[in-house]
Amino acid sequence: MNEGRCVKCGSCLRVCPVLNDPTGTQFPGPRTVGVDAPRFLEKNNIGQNALRCTMCHACEWACPSGITLTRSMLMLRSGISQERLPGHRRMIENVSASDVR
């Protein structure tokens, strides 16, 4: 991972469509979730916030340090226990059941 290169410039925060959502979505921002959380916080506590990320890559394109924030979000998402995500589990089961080839 390359989170250690973060210079805390805020470029990712300015371009994040979820953070700038006028409905007031409770998303602490790509830097907090993708950079600070994996280094300083318990990953299970921040994982739910990683689910709010749209994976649009805008934060990565804006980052002058080239930090792969989207990959960090994916890693946090993968650490969330499936028992805590019944809606996601049901969605995966539905997609698997309607496997069209």
N, C-alpha and C. Protein backbone atom coordinates (compact mmCIF):
# COMPACT_ATOMS: atom_id res chain seq x y z
N MET A 1 0.83 -1.19 0.00
CA MET A 1 0.00 0.00 0.00
C MET A 1 0.87 1.25 0.00
N ASN A 2 0.29 2.34 -0.42
CA ASN A 2 1.05 3.58 -0.52
C ASN A 2 0.43 4.72 0.29
N GLU A 3 -0.33 4.39 1.32
CA GLU A 3 -1.00 5.41 2.13
C GLU A 3 -0.01 6.33 2.83
N GLY A 4 1.19 5.85 3.10
CA GLY A 4 2.19 6.64 3.80
C GLY A 4 2.65 7.86 3.02
N ARG A 5 2.34 7.91 1.75
CA ARG A 5 2.74 9.05 0.92
C ARG A 5 1.76 10.21 0.99
N CYS A 6 0.66 10.06 1.72
CA CYS A 6 -0.37 11.11 1.79
C CYS A 6 0.23 12.38 2.41
N VAL A 7 0.03 13.51 1.71
CA VAL A 7 0.53 14.78 2.19
C VAL A 7 -0.58 15.64 2.81
N LYS A 8 -1.78 15.03 2.96
CA LYS A 8 -2.92 15.69 3.60
C LYS A 8 -3.30 17.00 2.91
N CYS A 9 -3.25 17.01 1.58
CA CYS A 9 -3.53 18.23 0.82
C CYS A 9 -5.03 18.50 0.67
N GLY A 10 -5.85 17.45 0.80
CA GLY A 10 -7.30 17.62 0.68
C GLY A 10 -7.84 17.54 -0.73
N SER A 11 -6.98 17.26 -1.71
CA SER A 11 -7.46 17.17 -3.10
C SER A 11 -8.54 16.11 -3.25
N CYS A 12 -8.37 14.97 -2.58
CA CYS A 12 -9.35 13.89 -2.68
C CYS A 12 -10.69 14.30 -2.09
N LEU A 13 -10.65 15.12 -1.05
CA LEU A 13 -11.89 15.58 -0.40
C LEU A 13 -12.67 16.54 -1.29
N ARG A 14 -11.95 17.36 -2.03
CA ARG A 14 -12.61 18.35 -2.89
C ARG A 14 -13.33 17.70 -4.07
N VAL A 15 -12.86 16.56 -4.54
CA VAL A 15 -13.46 15.95 -5.73
C VAL A 15 -14.42 14.81 -5.43
N CYS A 16 -14.49 14.35 -4.20
CA CYS A 16 -15.32 13.19 -3.85
C CYS A 16 -16.81 13.51 -4.00
N PRO A 17 -17.51 12.81 -4.91
CA PRO A 17 -18.93 13.09 -5.10
C PRO A 17 -19.79 12.67 -3.92
N VAL A 18 -19.34 11.69 -3.16
CA VAL A 18 -20.12 11.25 -1.99
C VAL A 18 -19.97 12.24 -0.86
N LEU A 19 -18.77 12.71 -0.63
CA LEU A 19 -18.51 13.68 0.43
C LEU A 19 -19.22 14.99 0.13
N ASN A 20 -19.32 15.33 -1.13
CA ASN A 20 -19.95 16.59 -1.53
C ASN A 20 -21.44 16.43 -1.84
N ASP A 21 -22.03 15.31 -1.43
CA ASP A 21 -23.44 15.04 -1.66
C ASP A 21 -24.29 15.99 -0.81
N PRO A 22 -25.16 16.78 -1.44
CA PRO A 22 -25.96 17.75 -0.68
C PRO A 22 -26.98 17.11 0.26
N THR A 23 -27.24 15.80 0.13
CA THR A 23 -28.20 15.15 1.02
C THR A 23 -27.59 14.89 2.39
N GLY A 24 -26.29 15.14 2.53
CA GLY A 24 -25.65 14.99 3.83
C GLY A 24 -25.29 13.57 4.19
N THR A 25 -24.94 12.78 3.20
CA THR A 25 -24.52 11.41 3.46
C THR A 25 -23.38 11.41 4.48
N GLN A 26 -23.44 10.51 5.42
CA GLN A 26 -22.43 10.44 6.48
C GLN A 26 -21.20 9.67 6.00
N PHE A 27 -20.38 10.31 5.19
CA PHE A 27 -19.15 9.72 4.68
C PHE A 27 -18.00 10.62 5.10
N PRO A 28 -17.04 10.10 5.86
CA PRO A 28 -15.96 10.96 6.35
C PRO A 28 -14.94 11.37 5.29
N GLY A 29 -15.02 10.80 4.11
CA GLY A 29 -14.12 11.19 3.03
C GLY A 29 -13.09 10.14 2.70
N PRO A 30 -12.57 10.19 1.47
CA PRO A 30 -11.63 9.17 1.03
C PRO A 30 -10.33 9.14 1.83
N ARG A 31 -9.85 10.30 2.27
CA ARG A 31 -8.61 10.29 3.04
C ARG A 31 -8.82 9.62 4.39
N THR A 32 -9.90 9.95 5.07
CA THR A 32 -10.17 9.36 6.37
C THR A 32 -10.37 7.85 6.27
N VAL A 33 -11.15 7.43 5.28
CA VAL A 33 -11.46 6.00 5.14
C VAL A 33 -10.32 5.23 4.51
N GLY A 34 -9.77 5.75 3.42
CA GLY A 34 -8.77 5.01 2.66
C GLY A 34 -7.34 5.13 3.13
N VAL A 35 -7.01 6.22 3.80
CA VAL A 35 -5.62 6.43 4.24
C VAL A 35 -5.48 6.27 5.74
N ASP A 36 -6.25 7.04 6.50
CA ASP A 36 -6.08 7.04 7.96
C ASP A 36 -6.62 5.77 8.61
N ALA A 37 -7.76 5.29 8.18
CA ALA A 37 -8.38 4.13 8.82
C ALA A 37 -7.52 2.87 8.78
N PRO A 38 -6.98 2.49 7.61
CA PRO A 38 -6.17 1.27 7.60
C PRO A 38 -4.91 1.38 8.48
N ARG A 39 -4.44 2.59 8.69
CA ARG A 39 -3.22 2.77 9.48
C ARG A 39 -3.48 2.94 10.96
N PHE A 40 -4.60 3.60 11.31
CA PHE A 40 -4.79 4.00 12.71
C PHE A 40 -6.03 3.47 13.40
N LEU A 41 -7.02 3.02 12.66
CA LEU A 41 -8.28 2.60 13.26
C LEU A 41 -8.53 1.12 13.07
N GLU A 42 -9.44 0.58 13.85
CA GLU A 42 -9.84 -0.80 13.68
C GLU A 42 -10.64 -0.91 12.38
N LYS A 43 -10.23 -1.78 11.49
CA LYS A 43 -10.82 -1.85 10.15
C LYS A 43 -12.31 -2.18 10.17
N ASN A 44 -12.79 -2.99 11.10
CA ASN A 44 -14.21 -3.32 11.13
C ASN A 44 -15.07 -2.10 11.43
N ASN A 45 -14.54 -1.18 12.20
CA ASN A 45 -15.32 0.02 12.53
C ASN A 45 -15.46 0.96 11.34
N ILE A 46 -14.48 0.99 10.47
CA ILE A 46 -14.51 1.93 9.35
C ILE A 46 -15.03 1.27 8.07
N GLY A 47 -15.12 -0.05 8.04
CA GLY A 47 -15.54 -0.77 6.84
C GLY A 47 -16.87 -0.35 6.28
N GLN A 48 -17.83 -0.05 7.14
CA GLN A 48 -19.14 0.39 6.68
C GLN A 48 -19.03 1.69 5.88
N ASN A 49 -18.11 2.56 6.27
CA ASN A 49 -17.92 3.80 5.52
C ASN A 49 -17.33 3.53 4.14
N ALA A 50 -16.51 2.49 4.03
CA ALA A 50 -15.95 2.14 2.72
C ALA A 50 -17.04 1.71 1.75
N LEU A 51 -18.16 1.22 2.27
CA LEU A 51 -19.27 0.83 1.40
C LEU A 51 -19.96 2.04 0.78
N ARG A 52 -19.78 3.20 1.37
CA ARG A 52 -20.40 4.41 0.83
C ARG A 52 -19.64 4.96 -0.38
N CYS A 53 -18.42 4.51 -0.57
CA CYS A 53 -17.60 4.96 -1.70
C CYS A 53 -18.20 4.43 -3.00
N THR A 54 -18.28 5.28 -4.02
CA THR A 54 -18.85 4.87 -5.31
C THR A 54 -17.81 4.23 -6.22
N MET A 55 -16.57 4.21 -5.81
CA MET A 55 -15.47 3.64 -6.60
C MET A 55 -15.31 4.38 -7.94
N CYS A 56 -15.52 5.67 -7.94
CA CYS A 56 -15.45 6.46 -9.18
C CYS A 56 -14.01 6.81 -9.56
N HIS A 57 -13.06 6.66 -8.65
CA HIS A 57 -11.63 6.94 -8.85
C HIS A 57 -11.29 8.43 -8.90
N ALA A 58 -12.25 9.31 -8.68
CA ALA A 58 -11.97 10.75 -8.73
C ALA A 58 -10.89 11.13 -7.73
N CYS A 59 -10.91 10.52 -6.55
CA CYS A 59 -9.91 10.84 -5.53
C CYS A 59 -8.51 10.43 -5.99
N GLU A 60 -8.41 9.30 -6.66
CA GLU A 60 -7.11 8.85 -7.16
C GLU A 60 -6.59 9.78 -8.24
N TRP A 61 -7.47 10.21 -9.13
CA TRP A 61 -7.05 11.10 -10.21
C TRP A 61 -6.59 12.44 -9.67
N ALA A 62 -7.19 12.88 -8.57
CA ALA A 62 -6.84 14.17 -7.99
C ALA A 62 -5.62 14.11 -7.07
N CYS A 63 -5.27 12.93 -6.62
CA CYS A 63 -4.19 12.78 -5.63
C CYS A 63 -2.81 13.05 -6.25
N PRO A 64 -2.11 14.07 -5.74
CA PRO A 64 -0.78 14.36 -6.28
C PRO A 64 0.26 13.31 -5.88
N SER A 65 -0.05 12.51 -4.88
CA SER A 65 0.89 11.47 -4.43
C SER A 65 0.63 10.12 -5.08
N GLY A 66 -0.42 10.03 -5.88
CA GLY A 66 -0.72 8.79 -6.58
C GLY A 66 -1.18 7.65 -5.68
N ILE A 67 -1.87 7.98 -4.60
CA ILE A 67 -2.35 6.95 -3.66
C ILE A 67 -3.55 6.23 -4.27
N THR A 68 -3.53 4.92 -4.20
CA THR A 68 -4.61 4.11 -4.77
C THR A 68 -5.72 3.94 -3.73
N LEU A 69 -6.49 5.00 -3.56
CA LEU A 69 -7.54 5.01 -2.54
C LEU A 69 -8.63 3.98 -2.83
N THR A 70 -8.95 3.76 -4.09
CA THR A 70 -10.00 2.81 -4.43
C THR A 70 -9.59 1.40 -4.00
N ARG A 71 -8.33 1.04 -4.20
CA ARG A 71 -7.86 -0.28 -3.78
C ARG A 71 -7.94 -0.40 -2.26
N SER A 72 -7.65 0.66 -1.56
CA SER A 72 -7.76 0.65 -0.11
C SER A 72 -9.21 0.44 0.33
N MET A 73 -10.14 1.10 -0.37
CA MET A 73 -11.57 0.91 -0.06
C MET A 73 -11.99 -0.54 -0.29
N LEU A 74 -11.52 -1.13 -1.39
CA LEU A 74 -11.85 -2.53 -1.68
C LEU A 74 -11.34 -3.45 -0.59
N MET A 75 -10.12 -3.19 -0.11
CA MET A 75 -9.56 -4.03 0.95
C MET A 75 -10.38 -3.90 2.23
N LEU A 76 -10.81 -2.69 2.55
CA LEU A 76 -11.64 -2.49 3.74
C LEU A 76 -12.98 -3.21 3.58
N ARG A 77 -13.56 -3.12 2.40
CA ARG A 77 -14.84 -3.79 2.14
C ARG A 77 -14.70 -5.30 2.29
N SER A 78 -13.60 -5.83 1.83
CA SER A 78 -13.43 -7.29 1.89
C SER A 78 -13.29 -7.78 3.33
N GLY A 79 -12.92 -6.88 4.24
CA GLY A 79 -12.76 -7.27 5.63
C GLY A 79 -14.04 -7.25 6.44
N ILE A 80 -15.13 -6.81 5.83
CA ILE A 80 -16.40 -6.74 6.55
C ILE A 80 -17.02 -8.13 6.58
N SER A 81 -17.42 -8.56 7.73
CA SER A 81 -18.03 -9.88 7.86
C SER A 81 -19.37 -9.93 7.15
N GLN A 82 -19.64 -11.01 6.45
CA GLN A 82 -20.87 -11.17 5.69
C GLN A 82 -22.11 -11.17 6.60
N GLU A 83 -21.96 -11.55 7.86
CA GLU A 83 -23.09 -11.55 8.78
C GLU A 83 -23.59 -10.13 9.03
N ARG A 84 -22.70 -9.16 8.90
CA ARG A 84 -23.08 -7.77 9.14
C ARG A 84 -23.71 -7.13 7.91
N LEU A 85 -23.75 -7.86 6.80
CA LEU A 85 -24.27 -7.31 5.56
C LEU A 85 -25.34 -8.21 4.95
N PRO A 86 -26.48 -8.40 5.61
CA PRO A 86 -27.49 -9.31 5.07
C PRO A 86 -28.03 -8.88 3.72
N GLY A 87 -28.16 -7.59 3.47
CA GLY A 87 -28.64 -7.11 2.18
C GLY A 87 -27.67 -7.45 1.05
N HIS A 88 -26.38 -7.32 1.31
CA HIS A 88 -25.38 -7.66 0.30
C HIS A 88 -25.36 -9.16 0.03
N ARG A 89 -25.47 -9.93 1.09
CA ARG A 89 -25.48 -11.39 0.93
C ARG A 89 -26.67 -11.81 0.07
N ARG A 90 -27.84 -11.23 0.33
CA ARG A 90 -29.04 -11.53 -0.44
C ARG A 90 -28.86 -11.13 -1.91
N MET A 91 -28.23 -9.98 -2.14
CA MET A 91 -27.98 -9.53 -3.51
C MET A 91 -27.06 -10.51 -4.25
N ILE A 92 -26.02 -10.97 -3.60
CA ILE A 92 -25.10 -11.94 -4.21
C ILE A 92 -25.82 -13.23 -4.52
N GLU A 93 -26.68 -13.68 -3.61
CA GLU A 93 -27.45 -14.91 -3.86
C GLU A 93 -28.38 -14.73 -5.06
N ASN A 94 -29.02 -13.58 -5.18
CA ASN A 94 -29.91 -13.31 -6.31
C ASN A 94 -29.16 -13.28 -7.63
N VAL A 95 -28.00 -12.66 -7.62
CA VAL A 95 -27.19 -12.60 -8.85
C VAL A 95 -26.74 -14.00 -9.24
N SER A 96 -26.31 -14.77 -8.26
CA SER A 96 -25.87 -16.14 -8.54
C SER A 96 -27.02 -17.00 -9.06
N ALA A 97 -28.20 -16.81 -8.52
CA ALA A 97 -29.37 -17.60 -8.95
C ALA A 97 -29.81 -17.25 -10.37
N SER A 98 -29.54 -16.03 -10.80
CA SER A 98 -29.95 -15.64 -12.14
C SER A 98 -28.78 -15.59 -13.09
N ASP A 99 -27.82 -16.44 -12.88
CA ASP A 99 -26.62 -16.51 -13.73
C ASP A 99 -27.02 -16.80 -15.18
N VAL A 100 -26.84 -15.81 -16.01
CA VAL A 100 -27.21 -15.96 -17.43
C VAL A 100 -25.93 -16.08 -18.25
N ARG A 101 -25.84 -17.14 -18.98
CA ARG A 101 -24.63 -17.31 -19.81
C ARG A 101 -24.99 -17.51 -21.23
